[in-house]
Amino acid sequence: MSQTPTSQTSADAKPTEAGELTYLVSEMTCDHCKASVTGELVKVPGVKAVGVDLDTKLVRVRGANLDDSAVRAAIEEAGYAAVSA
């Protein structure tokens, strides 16, 4: 099964057509963190659903034409760092 490389430069980075992006956001500890991250992510074009698991510190973003850099920027806007999981 072929996967899109994750080490693309910004010049050739492309949105995913459909699917899910998953990030580790280790600083999240409470419902306020969850609400902050979710609130920023739902503003990103293409995002249809956001799942935040505080126990595992994972954020799953589902949608169409998801742009990894836009999703990461939204998580950063909420005050957290995101690492691809």
PDB file of N, CA and C in Angstrom:
ATOM      1  N   MET A   1       0.843  -1.176   0.000  1.00  0.00           N
ATOM      2  CA  MET A   1       0.000   0.000   0.000  1.00  0.00           C
ATOM      3  C   MET A   1       0.881   1.229   0.000  1.00  0.00           C
ATOM      4  N   SER A   2       0.659   2.106  -0.939  1.00  0.00           N
ATOM      5  CA  SER A   2       1.467   3.304  -1.097  1.00  0.00           C
ATOM      6  C   SER A   2       0.939   4.423  -0.213  1.00  0.00           C
ATOM      7  N   GLN A   3       1.848   5.151   0.410  1.00  0.00           N
ATOM      8  CA  GLN A   3       1.445   6.272   1.250  1.00  0.00           C
ATOM      9  C   GLN A   3       2.098   7.537   0.733  1.00  0.00           C
ATOM     10  N   THR A   4       1.444   8.657   0.929  1.00  0.00           N
ATOM     11  CA  THR A   4       2.001   9.939   0.549  1.00  0.00           C
ATOM     12  C   THR A   4       3.147  10.268   1.494  1.00  0.00           C
ATOM     13  N   PRO A   5       4.278  10.713   0.966  1.00  0.00           N
ATOM     14  CA  PRO A   5       5.395  11.069   1.841  1.00  0.00           C
ATOM     15  C   PRO A   5       4.998  12.194   2.791  1.00  0.00           C
ATOM     16  N   THR A   6       5.498  12.112   4.026  1.00  0.00           N
ATOM     17  CA  THR A   6       5.186  13.138   5.013  1.00  0.00           C
ATOM     18  C   THR A   6       6.259  14.207   5.074  1.00  0.00           C
ATOM     19  N   SER A   7       7.351  14.027   4.345  1.00  0.00           N
ATOM     20  CA  SER A   7       8.444  14.997   4.402  1.00  0.00           C
ATOM     21  C   SER A   7       8.468  15.869   3.148  1.00  0.00           C
ATOM     22  N   GLN A   8       7.321  16.366   2.735  1.00  0.00           N
ATOM     23  CA  GLN A   8       7.244  17.234   1.579  1.00  0.00           C
ATOM     24  C   GLN A   8       7.649  18.650   1.969  1.00  0.00           C
ATOM     25  N   THR A   9       8.184  19.380   0.994  1.00  0.00           N
ATOM     26  CA  THR A   9       8.456  20.790   1.243  1.00  0.00           C
ATOM     27  C   THR A   9       7.158  21.550   1.080  1.00  0.00           C
ATOM     28  N   SER A  10       7.108  22.769   1.580  1.00  0.00           N
ATOM     29  CA  SER A  10       5.873  23.541   1.486  1.00  0.00           C
ATOM     30  C   SER A  10       5.490  23.813   0.034  1.00  0.00           C
ATOM     31  N   ALA A  11       6.434  23.843  -0.875  1.00  0.00           N
ATOM     32  CA  ALA A  11       6.133  24.107  -2.276  1.00  0.00           C
ATOM     33  C   ALA A  11       5.363  22.957  -2.925  1.00  0.00           C
ATOM     34  N   ASP A  12       5.634  21.709  -2.502  1.00  0.00           N
ATOM     35  CA  ASP A  12       4.927  20.588  -3.115  1.00  0.00           C
ATOM     36  C   ASP A  12       3.948  19.902  -2.163  1.00  0.00           C
ATOM     37  N   ALA A  13       3.740  20.457  -0.982  1.00  0.00           N
ATOM     38  CA  ALA A  13       2.763  19.882  -0.046  1.00  0.00           C
ATOM     39  C   ALA A  13       1.367  20.093  -0.616  1.00  0.00           C
ATOM     40  N   LYS A  14       0.571  19.040  -0.601  1.00  0.00           N
ATOM     41  CA  LYS A  14      -0.779  19.113  -1.143  1.00  0.00           C
ATOM     42  C   LYS A  14      -1.770  18.636  -0.109  1.00  0.00           C
ATOM     43  N   PRO A  15      -2.983  19.168  -0.160  1.00  0.00           N
ATOM     44  CA  PRO A  15      -4.015  18.680   0.753  1.00  0.00           C
ATOM     45  C   PRO A  15      -4.359  17.227   0.443  1.00  0.00           C
ATOM     46  N   THR A  16      -4.745  16.476   1.458  1.00  0.00           N
ATOM     47  CA  THR A  16      -5.227  15.124   1.223  1.00  0.00           C
ATOM     48  C   THR A  16      -6.640  15.215   0.684  1.00  0.00           C
ATOM     49  N   GLU A  17      -6.996  14.367  -0.295  1.00  0.00           N
ATOM     50  CA  GLU A  17      -8.320  14.450  -0.913  1.00  0.00           C
ATOM     51  C   GLU A  17      -9.428  14.108   0.068  1.00  0.00           C
ATOM     52  N   ALA A  18      -9.269  13.044   0.781  1.00  0.00           N
ATOM     53  CA  ALA A  18     -10.271  12.652   1.773  1.00  0.00           C
ATOM     54  C   ALA A  18      -9.578  11.775   2.792  1.00  0.00           C
ATOM     55  N   GLY A  19     -10.072  11.800   3.998  1.00  0.00           N
ATOM     56  CA  GLY A  19      -9.490  10.905   4.974  1.00  0.00           C
ATOM     57  C   GLY A  19      -9.322  11.517   6.335  1.00  0.00           C
ATOM     58  N   GLU A  20      -8.260  11.089   6.980  1.00  0.00           N
ATOM     59  CA  GLU A  20      -8.045  11.437   8.375  1.00  0.00           C
ATOM     60  C   GLU A  20      -6.584  11.785   8.599  1.00  0.00           C
ATOM     61  N   LEU A  21      -6.348  12.814   9.371  1.00  0.00           N
ATOM     62  CA  LEU A  21      -5.016  13.179   9.829  1.00  0.00           C
ATOM     63  C   LEU A  21      -5.006  13.011  11.341  1.00  0.00           C
ATOM     64  N   THR A  22      -3.919  12.473  11.883  1.00  0.00           N
ATOM     65  CA  THR A  22      -3.819  12.243  13.323  1.00  0.00           C
ATOM     66  C   THR A  22      -2.554  12.903  13.851  1.00  0.00           C
ATOM     67  N   TYR A  23      -2.710  13.563  14.994  1.00  0.00           N
ATOM     68  CA  TYR A  23      -1.600  14.296  15.614  1.00  0.00           C
ATOM     69  C   TYR A  23      -1.509  13.964  17.092  1.00  0.00           C
ATOM     70  N   LEU A  24      -0.291  13.960  17.609  1.00  0.00           N
ATOM     71  CA  LEU A  24      -0.048  13.877  19.040  1.00  0.00           C
ATOM     72  C   LEU A  24       0.094  15.305  19.543  1.00  0.00           C
ATOM     73  N   VAL A  25      -0.738  15.668  20.516  1.00  0.00           N
ATOM     74  CA  VAL A  25      -0.700  17.001  21.118  1.00  0.00           C
ATOM     75  C   VAL A  25      -0.518  16.781  22.621  1.00  0.00           C
ATOM     76  N   SER A  26       0.727  16.630  23.016  1.00  0.00           N
ATOM     77  CA  SER A  26       1.044  16.153  24.365  1.00  0.00           C
ATOM     78  C   SER A  26       0.689  17.120  25.483  1.00  0.00           C
ATOM     79  N   GLU A  27       0.530  18.417  25.181  1.00  0.00           N
ATOM     80  CA  GLU A  27       0.243  19.385  26.240  1.00  0.00           C
ATOM     81  C   GLU A  27      -1.216  19.409  26.683  1.00  0.00           C
ATOM     82  N   MET A  28      -2.100  18.742  25.960  1.00  0.00           N
ATOM     83  CA  MET A  28      -3.526  18.754  26.324  1.00  0.00           C
ATOM     84  C   MET A  28      -3.750  17.957  27.605  1.00  0.00           C
ATOM     85  N   THR A  29      -4.455  18.585  28.568  1.00  0.00           N
ATOM     86  CA  THR A  29      -4.687  17.901  29.841  1.00  0.00           C
ATOM     87  C   THR A  29      -6.133  17.926  30.323  1.00  0.00           C
ATOM     88  N   CYS A  30      -6.970  18.799  29.743  1.00  0.00           N
ATOM     89  CA  CYS A  30      -8.307  18.976  30.302  1.00  0.00           C
ATOM     90  C   CYS A  30      -9.345  19.279  29.223  1.00  0.00           C
ATOM     91  N   ASP A  31     -10.593  19.409  29.649  1.00  0.00           N
ATOM     92  CA  ASP A  31     -11.671  19.705  28.719  1.00  0.00           C
ATOM     93  C   ASP A  31     -11.507  21.072  28.058  1.00  0.00           C
ATOM     94  N   HIS A  32     -10.906  22.020  28.765  1.00  0.00           N
ATOM     95  CA  HIS A  32     -10.650  23.329  28.157  1.00  0.00           C
ATOM     96  C   HIS A  32      -9.674  23.185  26.987  1.00  0.00           C
ATOM     97  N   CYS A  33      -8.650  22.373  27.164  1.00  0.00           N
ATOM     98  CA  CYS A  33      -7.691  22.109  26.087  1.00  0.00           C
ATOM     99  C   CYS A  33      -8.413  21.507  24.886  1.00  0.00           C
ATOM    100  N   LYS A  34      -9.234  20.524  25.168  1.00  0.00           N
ATOM    101  CA  LYS A  34     -10.001  19.843  24.126  1.00  0.00           C
ATOM    102  C   LYS A  34     -10.890  20.836  23.374  1.00  0.00           C
ATOM    103  N   ALA A  35     -11.585  21.697  24.099  1.00  0.00           N
ATOM    104  CA  ALA A  35     -12.472  22.682  23.483  1.00  0.00           C
ATOM    105  C   ALA A  35     -11.687  23.699  22.665  1.00  0.00           C
ATOM    106  N   SER A  36     -10.538  24.116  23.142  1.00  0.00           N
ATOM    107  CA  SER A  36      -9.717  25.092  22.419  1.00  0.00           C
ATOM    108  C   SER A  36      -9.231  24.535  21.087  1.00  0.00           C
ATOM    109  N   VAL A  37      -8.712  23.322  21.122  1.00  0.00           N
ATOM    110  CA  VAL A  37      -8.206  22.686  19.912  1.00  0.00           C
ATOM    111  C   VAL A  37      -9.352  22.435  18.934  1.00  0.00           C
ATOM    112  N   THR A  38     -10.446  21.886  19.425  1.00  0.00           N
ATOM    113  CA  THR A  38     -11.594  21.599  18.568  1.00  0.00           C
ATOM    114  C   THR A  38     -12.142  22.883  17.949  1.00  0.00           C
ATOM    115  N   GLY A  39     -12.249  23.928  18.746  1.00  0.00           N
ATOM    116  CA  GLY A  39     -12.779  25.196  18.265  1.00  0.00           C
ATOM    117  C   GLY A  39     -11.974  25.782  17.124  1.00  0.00           C
ATOM    118  N   GLU A  40     -10.662  25.648  17.170  1.00  0.00           N
ATOM    119  CA  GLU A  40      -9.825  26.152  16.083  1.00  0.00           C
ATOM    120  C   GLU A  40      -9.891  25.235  14.862  1.00  0.00           C
ATOM    121  N   LEU A  41      -9.923  23.933  15.090  1.00  0.00           N
ATOM    122  CA  LEU A  41      -9.905  23.000  13.969  1.00  0.00           C
ATOM    123  C   LEU A  41     -11.176  23.038  13.135  1.00  0.00           C
ATOM    124  N   VAL A  42     -12.321  23.270  13.756  1.00  0.00           N
ATOM    125  CA  VAL A  42     -13.564  23.290  12.976  1.00  0.00           C
ATOM    126  C   VAL A  42     -13.621  24.475  12.021  1.00  0.00           C
ATOM    127  N   LYS A  43     -12.742  25.447  12.190  1.00  0.00           N
ATOM    128  CA  LYS A  43     -12.675  26.600  11.294  1.00  0.00           C
ATOM    129  C   LYS A  43     -11.867  26.315  10.022  1.00  0.00           C
ATOM    130  N   VAL A  44     -11.110  25.221  10.020  1.00  0.00           N
ATOM    131  CA  VAL A  44     -10.236  24.906   8.894  1.00  0.00           C
ATOM    132  C   VAL A  44     -11.071  24.353   7.734  1.00  0.00           C
ATOM    133  N   PRO A  45     -10.897  24.898   6.527  1.00  0.00           N
ATOM    134  CA  PRO A  45     -11.645  24.399   5.375  1.00  0.00           C
ATOM    135  C   PRO A  45     -11.442  22.895   5.172  1.00  0.00           C
ATOM    136  N   GLY A  46     -12.533  22.200   4.913  1.00  0.00           N
ATOM    137  CA  GLY A  46     -12.491  20.763   4.658  1.00  0.00           C
ATOM    138  C   GLY A  46     -12.698  19.895   5.872  1.00  0.00           C
ATOM    139  N   VAL A  47     -12.539  20.454   7.078  1.00  0.00           N
ATOM    140  CA  VAL A  47     -12.698  19.657   8.293  1.00  0.00           C
ATOM    141  C   VAL A  47     -14.176  19.343   8.510  1.00  0.00           C
ATOM    142  N   LYS A  48     -14.474  18.050   8.633  1.00  0.00           N
ATOM    143  CA  LYS A  48     -15.848  17.599   8.864  1.00  0.00           C
ATOM    144  C   LYS A  48     -16.054  17.121  10.299  1.00  0.00           C
ATOM    145  N   ALA A  49     -15.007  16.586  10.919  1.00  0.00           N
ATOM    146  CA  ALA A  49     -15.121  16.067  12.282  1.00  0.00           C
ATOM    147  C   ALA A  49     -13.766  16.137  12.976  1.00  0.00           C
ATOM    148  N   VAL A  50     -13.819  16.358  14.281  1.00  0.00           N
ATOM    149  CA  VAL A  50     -12.611  16.404  15.104  1.00  0.00           C
ATOM    150  C   VAL A  50     -12.826  15.499  16.300  1.00  0.00           C
ATOM    151  N   GLY A  51     -11.872  14.640  16.571  1.00  0.00           N
ATOM    152  CA  GLY A  51     -11.916  13.773  17.745  1.00  0.00           C
ATOM    153  C   GLY A  51     -10.688  14.021  18.592  1.00  0.00           C
ATOM    154  N   VAL A  52     -10.892  14.301  19.867  1.00  0.00           N
ATOM    155  CA  VAL A  52      -9.778  14.556  20.781  1.00  0.00           C
ATOM    156  C   VAL A  52      -9.857  13.543  21.918  1.00  0.00           C
ATOM    157  N   ASP A  53      -8.769  12.802  22.120  1.00  0.00           N
ATOM    158  CA  ASP A  53      -8.692  11.827  23.207  1.00  0.00           C
ATOM    159  C   ASP A  53      -7.648  12.330  24.200  1.00  0.00           C
ATOM    160  N   LEU A  54      -8.104  12.806  25.342  1.00  0.00           N
ATOM    161  CA  LEU A  54      -7.180  13.358  26.342  1.00  0.00           C
ATOM    162  C   LEU A  54      -6.287  12.291  26.964  1.00  0.00           C
ATOM    163  N   ASP A  55      -6.749  11.051  27.032  1.00  0.00           N
ATOM    164  CA  ASP A  55      -5.934   9.980  27.616  1.00  0.00           C
ATOM    165  C   ASP A  55      -4.715   9.664  26.758  1.00  0.00           C
ATOM    166  N   THR A  56      -4.915   9.591  25.446  1.00  0.00           N
ATOM    167  CA  THR A  56      -3.804   9.267  24.544  1.00  0.00           C
ATOM    168  C   THR A  56      -3.127  10.509  23.978  1.00  0.00           C
ATOM    169  N   LYS A  57      -3.754  11.685  24.173  1.00  0.00           N
ATOM    170  CA  LYS A  57      -3.260  12.970  23.654  1.00  0.00           C
ATOM    171  C   LYS A  57      -3.328  13.032  22.132  1.00  0.00           C
ATOM    172  N   LEU A  58      -4.219  12.238  21.528  1.00  0.00           N
ATOM    173  CA  LEU A  58      -4.342  12.208  20.079  1.00  0.00           C
ATOM    174  C   LEU A  58      -5.506  13.065  19.602  1.00  0.00           C
ATOM    175  N   VAL A  59      -5.267  13.754  18.490  1.00  0.00           N
ATOM    176  CA  VAL A  59      -6.299  14.540  17.821  1.00  0.00           C
ATOM    177  C   VAL A  59      -6.460  13.944  16.427  1.00  0.00           C
ATOM    178  N   ARG A  60      -7.687  13.542  16.108  1.00  0.00           N
ATOM    179  CA  ARG A  60      -7.982  12.997  14.780  1.00  0.00           C
ATOM    180  C   ARG A  60      -8.881  13.988  14.052  1.00  0.00           C
ATOM    181  N   VAL A  61      -8.470  14.340  12.854  1.00  0.00           N
ATOM    182  CA  VAL A  61      -9.213  15.293  12.042  1.00  0.00           C
ATOM    183  C   VAL A  61      -9.666  14.556  10.790  1.00  0.00           C
ATOM    184  N   ARG A  62     -10.984  14.582  10.542  1.00  0.00           N
ATOM    185  CA  ARG A  62     -11.537  13.921   9.360  1.00  0.00           C
ATOM    186  C   ARG A  62     -12.148  14.963   8.439  1.00  0.00           C
ATOM    187  N   GLY A  63     -12.023  14.702   7.135  1.00  0.00           N
ATOM    188  CA  GLY A  63     -12.632  15.609   6.182  1.00  0.00           C
ATOM    189  C   GLY A  63     -12.141  15.376   4.777  1.00  0.00           C
ATOM    190  N   ALA A  64     -12.378  16.361   3.941  1.00  0.00           N
ATOM    191  CA  ALA A  64     -11.974  16.299   2.541  1.00  0.00           C
ATOM    192  C   ALA A  64     -11.019  17.442   2.251  1.00  0.00           C
ATOM    193  N   ASN A  65     -10.037  17.162   1.414  1.00  0.00           N
ATOM    194  CA  ASN A  65      -9.048  18.167   1.021  1.00  0.00           C
ATOM    195  C   ASN A  65      -8.379  18.812   2.232  1.00  0.00           C
ATOM    196  N   LEU A  66      -8.000  17.995   3.197  1.00  0.00           N
ATOM    197  CA  LEU A  66      -7.355  18.505   4.404  1.00  0.00           C
ATOM    198  C   LEU A  66      -5.933  18.952   4.092  1.00  0.00           C
ATOM    199  N   ASP A  67      -5.592  20.108   4.565  1.00  0.00           N
ATOM    200  CA  ASP A  67      -4.259  20.665   4.383  1.00  0.00           C
ATOM    201  C   ASP A  67      -3.513  20.529   5.709  1.00  0.00           C
ATOM    202  N   ASP A  68      -2.490  19.691   5.714  1.00  0.00           N
ATOM    203  CA  ASP A  68      -1.732  19.422   6.931  1.00  0.00           C
ATOM    204  C   ASP A  68      -1.222  20.709   7.573  1.00  0.00           C
ATOM    205  N   SER A  69      -0.693  21.623   6.776  1.00  0.00           N
ATOM    206  CA  SER A  69      -0.147  22.854   7.351  1.00  0.00           C
ATOM    207  C   SER A  69      -1.245  23.723   7.960  1.00  0.00           C
ATOM    208  N   ALA A  70      -2.428  23.745   7.367  1.00  0.00           N
ATOM    209  CA  ALA A  70      -3.544  24.515   7.926  1.00  0.00           C
ATOM    210  C   ALA A  70      -4.034  23.889   9.229  1.00  0.00           C
ATOM    211  N   VAL A  71      -4.062  22.558   9.279  1.00  0.00           N
ATOM    212  CA  VAL A  71      -4.486  21.864  10.496  1.00  0.00           C
ATOM    213  C   VAL A  71      -3.482  22.125  11.618  1.00  0.00           C
ATOM    214  N   ARG A  72      -2.205  22.002  11.305  1.00  0.00           N
ATOM    215  CA  ARG A  72      -1.165  22.271  12.318  1.00  0.00           C
ATOM    216  C   ARG A  72      -1.234  23.713  12.808  1.00  0.00           C
ATOM    217  N   ALA A  73      -1.459  24.644  11.886  1.00  0.00           N
ATOM    218  CA  ALA A  73      -1.547  26.058  12.258  1.00  0.00           C
ATOM    219  C   ALA A  73      -2.728  26.301  13.197  1.00  0.00           C
ATOM    220  N   ALA A  74      -3.839  25.611  12.971  1.00  0.00           N
ATOM    221  CA  ALA A  74      -5.005  25.759  13.848  1.00  0.00           C
ATOM    222  C   ALA A  74      -4.700  25.235  15.248  1.00  0.00           C
ATOM    223  N   ILE A  75      -4.007  24.119  15.330  1.00  0.00           N
ATOM    224  CA  ILE A  75      -3.637  23.567  16.641  1.00  0.00           C
ATOM    225  C   ILE A  75      -2.685  24.537  17.351  1.00  0.00           C
ATOM    226  N   GLU A  76      -1.752  25.099  16.598  1.00  0.00           N
ATOM    227  CA  GLU A  76      -0.831  26.083  17.174  1.00  0.00           C
ATOM    228  C   GLU A  76      -1.571  27.341  17.619  1.00  0.00           C
ATOM    229  N   GLU A  77      -2.578  27.761  16.858  1.00  0.00           N
ATOM    230  CA  GLU A  77      -3.387  28.930  17.228  1.00  0.00           C
ATOM    231  C   GLU A  77      -4.086  28.693  18.561  1.00  0.00           C
ATOM    232  N   ALA A  78      -4.429  27.441  18.834  1.00  0.00           N
ATOM    233  CA  ALA A  78      -5.059  27.089  20.111  1.00  0.00           C
ATOM    234  C   ALA A  78      -4.037  27.069  21.245  1.00  0.00           C
ATOM    235  N   GLY A  79      -2.745  27.144  20.903  1.00  0.00           N
ATOM    236  CA  GLY A  79      -1.707  27.206  21.925  1.00  0.00           C
ATOM    237  C   GLY A  79      -0.940  25.918  22.146  1.00  0.00           C
ATOM    238  N   TYR A  80      -0.994  25.007  21.174  1.00  0.00           N
ATOM    239  CA  TYR A  80      -0.362  23.694  21.359  1.00  0.00           C
ATOM    240  C   TYR A  80       0.503  23.342  20.164  1.00  0.00           C
ATOM    241  N   ALA A  81       1.445  22.447  20.374  1.00  0.00           N
ATOM    242  CA  ALA A  81       2.283  21.926  19.302  1.00  0.00           C
ATOM    243  C   ALA A  81       1.731  20.572  18.871  1.00  0.00           C
ATOM    244  N   ALA A  82       1.768  20.316  17.572  1.00  0.00           N
ATOM    245  CA  ALA A  82       1.258  19.060  17.025  1.00  0.00           C
ATOM    246  C   ALA A  82       2.374  18.290  16.346  1.00  0.00           C
ATOM    247  N   VAL A  83       2.397  16.982  16.606  1.00  0.00           N
ATOM    248  CA  VAL A  83       3.348  16.079  15.972  1.00  0.00           C
ATOM    249  C   VAL A  83       2.528  15.017  15.252  1.00  0.00           C
ATOM    250  N   SER A  84       2.862  14.742  13.994  1.00  0.00           N
ATOM    251  CA  SER A  84       2.120  13.703  13.278  1.00  0.00           C
ATOM    252  C   SER A  84       2.235  12.383  14.017  1.00  0.00           C
ATOM    253  N   ALA A  85       1.102  11.713  14.116  1.00  0.00           N
ATOM    254  CA  ALA A  85       1.066  10.423  14.825  1.00  0.00           C
ATOM    255  C   ALA A  85       0.770   9.301  13.859  1.00  0.00           C
TER     256      ALA A  85
END
